Amino acid sequence: MTTDGESAVVPEELAELRRSLDVGLARVDGRLALLTQHDEQTAKNVETMEARVAALEHTRWPLPTIVALSAVVAIAVAIWQAMGR
């Protein structure tokens, strides 16, 4: 059996629980919004990095070309030194 004192406390406790729930939900919503913002920024950063890597890959020289060019220069230097002596 409930007394009048106990029945007055129940609505106050329910109101306190509702306030706590509202505050908790507001915190969760705020954190989710922050995570969404971070996710969008990360996606932009990834797209930027992918574009930069693609540009670097496009402008780099292939390794066999560098090796061949170095060999030609080495041969030219060797011939130049042999002709000079």
N, C-alpha and C. Protein backbone atom coordinates (compact mmCIF):
# COMPACT_ATOMS: atom_id res chain seq x y z
N MET A 1 0.82 -1.18 0.00
CA MET A 1 0.00 0.00 0.00
C MET A 1 0.87 1.24 0.00
N THR A 2 0.43 2.22 -0.75
CA THR A 2 1.19 3.47 -0.83
C THR A 2 0.52 4.52 0.01
N THR A 3 1.35 5.36 0.52
CA THR A 3 0.82 6.49 1.30
C THR A 3 0.85 7.72 0.43
N ASP A 4 0.26 8.77 0.94
CA ASP A 4 0.21 10.02 0.16
C ASP A 4 1.61 10.59 -0.08
N GLY A 5 2.52 10.40 0.86
CA GLY A 5 3.89 10.88 0.72
C GLY A 5 4.63 10.16 -0.40
N GLU A 6 4.41 8.86 -0.49
CA GLU A 6 5.07 8.08 -1.53
C GLU A 6 4.51 8.41 -2.91
N SER A 7 3.22 8.63 -3.01
CA SER A 7 2.62 8.94 -4.31
C SER A 7 3.04 10.32 -4.80
N ALA A 8 3.42 11.22 -3.93
CA ALA A 8 3.90 12.54 -4.34
C ALA A 8 5.35 12.45 -4.83
N VAL A 9 6.11 11.50 -4.32
CA VAL A 9 7.52 11.35 -4.69
C VAL A 9 7.66 10.72 -6.08
N VAL A 10 6.76 9.84 -6.44
CA VAL A 10 6.85 9.13 -7.71
C VAL A 10 6.84 10.09 -8.91
N PRO A 11 5.92 11.05 -9.00
CA PRO A 11 5.96 11.96 -10.15
C PRO A 11 7.25 12.80 -10.18
N GLU A 12 7.78 13.15 -9.02
CA GLU A 12 9.02 13.92 -8.97
C GLU A 12 10.19 13.07 -9.47
N GLU A 13 10.19 11.81 -9.08
CA GLU A 13 11.26 10.92 -9.55
C GLU A 13 11.15 10.67 -11.05
N LEU A 14 9.91 10.52 -11.54
CA LEU A 14 9.71 10.36 -12.98
C LEU A 14 10.15 11.60 -13.75
N ALA A 15 9.86 12.76 -13.21
CA ALA A 15 10.29 14.00 -13.85
C ALA A 15 11.81 14.08 -13.87
N GLU A 16 12.46 13.68 -12.79
CA GLU A 16 13.92 13.69 -12.73
C GLU A 16 14.51 12.68 -13.74
N LEU A 17 13.89 11.52 -13.84
CA LEU A 17 14.34 10.53 -14.82
C LEU A 17 14.18 11.06 -16.25
N ARG A 18 13.07 11.74 -16.51
CA ARG A 18 12.87 12.31 -17.84
C ARG A 18 13.92 13.37 -18.16
N ARG A 19 14.23 14.22 -17.17
CA ARG A 19 15.26 15.24 -17.38
C ARG A 19 16.62 14.58 -17.64
N SER A 20 16.93 13.57 -16.86
CA SER A 20 18.21 12.86 -17.06
C SER A 20 18.27 12.22 -18.44
N LEU A 21 17.16 11.63 -18.86
CA LEU A 21 17.10 11.02 -20.18
C LEU A 21 17.24 12.07 -21.27
N ASP A 22 16.58 13.21 -21.13
CA ASP A 22 16.70 14.28 -22.11
C ASP A 22 18.13 14.81 -22.19
N VAL A 23 18.78 14.98 -21.05
CA VAL A 23 20.17 15.44 -21.04
C VAL A 23 21.08 14.41 -21.69
N GLY A 24 20.87 13.16 -21.36
CA GLY A 24 21.67 12.10 -21.96
C GLY A 24 21.49 12.02 -23.47
N LEU A 25 20.26 12.13 -23.93
CA LEU A 25 20.00 12.10 -25.37
C LEU A 25 20.60 13.32 -26.06
N ALA A 26 20.55 14.47 -25.42
CA ALA A 26 21.17 15.66 -26.00
C ALA A 26 22.68 15.47 -26.12
N ARG A 27 23.31 14.86 -25.12
CA ARG A 27 24.75 14.60 -25.19
C ARG A 27 25.07 13.63 -26.33
N VAL A 28 24.27 12.57 -26.43
CA VAL A 28 24.49 11.59 -27.49
C VAL A 28 24.30 12.25 -28.86
N ASP A 29 23.27 13.07 -29.01
CA ASP A 29 23.04 13.76 -30.29
C ASP A 29 24.22 14.68 -30.62
N GLY A 30 24.72 15.38 -29.62
CA GLY A 30 25.87 16.26 -29.84
C GLY A 30 27.11 15.48 -30.26
N ARG A 31 27.34 14.37 -29.60
CA ARG A 31 28.50 13.55 -29.95
C ARG A 31 28.35 12.94 -31.34
N LEU A 32 27.14 12.51 -31.67
CA LEU A 32 26.91 11.97 -33.01
C LEU A 32 27.12 13.05 -34.08
N ALA A 33 26.67 14.26 -33.80
CA ALA A 33 26.87 15.36 -34.75
C ALA A 33 28.36 15.63 -34.92
N LEU A 34 29.10 15.60 -33.82
CA LEU A 34 30.55 15.82 -33.89
C LEU A 34 31.23 14.71 -34.68
N LEU A 35 30.83 13.47 -34.43
CA LEU A 35 31.40 12.34 -35.18
C LEU A 35 31.07 12.43 -36.67
N THR A 36 29.88 12.87 -36.99
CA THR A 36 29.49 13.05 -38.39
C THR A 36 30.35 14.11 -39.05
N GLN A 37 30.58 15.21 -38.32
CA GLN A 37 31.42 16.28 -38.85
C GLN A 37 32.85 15.77 -39.07
N HIS A 38 33.38 15.03 -38.12
CA HIS A 38 34.72 14.48 -38.26
C HIS A 38 34.78 13.50 -39.44
N ASP A 39 33.75 12.70 -39.61
CA ASP A 39 33.70 11.74 -40.71
C ASP A 39 33.70 12.46 -42.05
N GLU A 40 32.92 13.54 -42.16
CA GLU A 40 32.88 14.30 -43.40
C GLU A 40 34.24 14.94 -43.69
N GLN A 41 34.88 15.48 -42.65
CA GLN A 41 36.20 16.08 -42.83
C GLN A 41 37.22 15.03 -43.25
N THR A 42 37.15 13.86 -42.64
CA THR A 42 38.06 12.77 -43.00
C THR A 42 37.84 12.34 -44.45
N ALA A 43 36.60 12.27 -44.87
CA ALA A 43 36.29 11.90 -46.26
C ALA A 43 36.87 12.93 -47.22
N LYS A 44 36.77 14.22 -46.88
CA LYS A 44 37.35 15.26 -47.72
C LYS A 44 38.87 15.12 -47.76
N ASN A 45 39.48 14.84 -46.62
CA ASN A 45 40.93 14.68 -46.57
C ASN A 45 41.37 13.48 -47.42
N VAL A 46 40.62 12.39 -47.36
CA VAL A 46 40.95 11.20 -48.14
C VAL A 46 40.85 11.51 -49.63
N GLU A 47 39.81 12.22 -50.03
CA GLU A 47 39.66 12.58 -51.44
C GLU A 47 40.81 13.47 -51.90
N THR A 48 41.21 14.42 -51.05
CA THR A 48 42.33 15.30 -51.39
C THR A 48 43.62 14.50 -51.53
N MET A 49 43.85 13.59 -50.58
CA MET A 49 45.07 12.78 -50.64
C MET A 49 45.06 11.87 -51.86
N GLU A 50 43.93 11.30 -52.20
CA GLU A 50 43.85 10.45 -53.39
C GLU A 50 44.17 11.25 -54.64
N ALA A 51 43.68 12.48 -54.71
CA ALA A 51 43.97 13.32 -55.86
C ALA A 51 45.46 13.65 -55.92
N ARG A 52 46.06 13.94 -54.76
CA ARG A 52 47.49 14.26 -54.73
C ARG A 52 48.33 13.04 -55.13
N VAL A 53 47.96 11.87 -54.64
CA VAL A 53 48.71 10.65 -54.99
C VAL A 53 48.56 10.36 -56.48
N ALA A 54 47.38 10.54 -57.01
CA ALA A 54 47.18 10.31 -58.45
C ALA A 54 48.02 11.28 -59.26
N ALA A 55 48.09 12.54 -58.82
CA ALA A 55 48.92 13.52 -59.53
C ALA A 55 50.39 13.14 -59.45
N LEU A 56 50.84 12.69 -58.28
CA LEU A 56 52.23 12.28 -58.14
C LEU A 56 52.54 11.05 -58.99
N GLU A 57 51.63 10.10 -59.02
CA GLU A 57 51.84 8.90 -59.84
C GLU A 57 51.88 9.25 -61.32
N HIS A 58 51.09 10.24 -61.69
CA HIS A 58 51.03 10.61 -63.10
C HIS A 58 52.31 11.32 -63.53
N THR A 59 52.92 12.10 -62.65
CA THR A 59 54.10 12.89 -63.02
C THR A 59 55.42 12.18 -62.76
N ARG A 60 55.41 11.06 -62.09
CA ARG A 60 56.68 10.39 -61.79
C ARG A 60 57.19 9.66 -63.02
N TRP A 61 58.50 9.49 -63.04
CA TRP A 61 59.12 8.76 -64.12
C TRP A 61 59.13 7.29 -63.79
N PRO A 62 58.89 6.44 -64.76
CA PRO A 62 58.97 5.00 -64.50
C PRO A 62 60.42 4.60 -64.21
N LEU A 63 60.60 3.66 -63.35
CA LEU A 63 61.93 3.23 -62.93
C LEU A 63 62.80 2.74 -64.09
N PRO A 64 62.29 1.96 -65.03
CA PRO A 64 63.14 1.54 -66.15
C PRO A 64 63.67 2.72 -66.97
N THR A 65 62.89 3.78 -67.11
CA THR A 65 63.35 4.95 -67.83
C THR A 65 64.50 5.63 -67.10
N ILE A 66 64.39 5.72 -65.79
CA ILE A 66 65.46 6.32 -64.99
C ILE A 66 66.73 5.48 -65.09
N VAL A 67 66.58 4.17 -65.03
CA VAL A 67 67.74 3.28 -65.14
C VAL A 67 68.41 3.44 -66.51
N ALA A 68 67.63 3.46 -67.57
CA ALA A 68 68.18 3.61 -68.92
C ALA A 68 68.88 4.96 -69.07
N LEU A 69 68.27 6.01 -68.57
CA LEU A 69 68.87 7.34 -68.64
C LEU A 69 70.18 7.39 -67.86
N SER A 70 70.21 6.79 -66.69
CA SER A 70 71.44 6.74 -65.89
C SER A 70 72.53 5.96 -66.61
N ALA A 71 72.17 4.87 -67.26
CA ALA A 71 73.15 4.07 -68.00
C ALA A 71 73.72 4.86 -69.16
N VAL A 72 72.89 5.58 -69.89
CA VAL A 72 73.36 6.39 -71.01
C VAL A 72 74.30 7.48 -70.51
N VAL A 73 73.96 8.13 -69.42
CA VAL A 73 74.83 9.16 -68.84
C VAL A 73 76.15 8.54 -68.39
N ALA A 74 76.11 7.38 -67.76
CA ALA A 74 77.34 6.72 -67.30
C ALA A 74 78.23 6.36 -68.48
N ILE A 75 77.64 5.87 -69.56
CA ILE A 75 78.42 5.53 -70.76
C ILE A 75 79.02 6.80 -71.36
N ALA A 76 78.23 7.86 -71.43
CA ALA A 76 78.73 9.13 -71.98
C ALA A 76 79.89 9.66 -71.15
N VAL A 77 79.80 9.58 -69.85
CA VAL A 77 80.89 10.04 -68.97
C VAL A 77 82.11 9.15 -69.17
N ALA A 78 81.93 7.87 -69.29
CA ALA A 78 83.06 6.95 -69.48
C ALA A 78 83.74 7.24 -70.80
N ILE A 79 82.98 7.48 -71.87
CA ILE A 79 83.57 7.78 -73.18
C ILE A 79 84.31 9.12 -73.11
N TRP A 80 83.70 10.09 -72.46
CA TRP A 80 84.32 11.41 -72.34
C TRP A 80 85.65 11.31 -71.59
N GLN A 81 85.67 10.53 -70.50
CA GLN A 81 86.91 10.35 -69.76
C GLN A 81 87.95 9.60 -70.58
N ALA A 82 87.53 8.61 -71.35
CA ALA A 82 88.47 7.83 -72.16
C ALA A 82 89.04 8.69 -73.29
N MET A 83 88.25 9.56 -73.84
CA MET A 83 88.72 10.42 -74.92
C MET A 83 89.65 11.52 -74.40
N GLY A 84 89.43 11.92 -73.16
CA GLY A 84 90.24 12.99 -72.57
C GLY A 84 91.62 12.52 -72.19
N ARG A 85 91.86 11.28 -71.99
CA ARG A 85 93.17 10.77 -71.56
C ARG A 85 93.98 10.31 -72.67
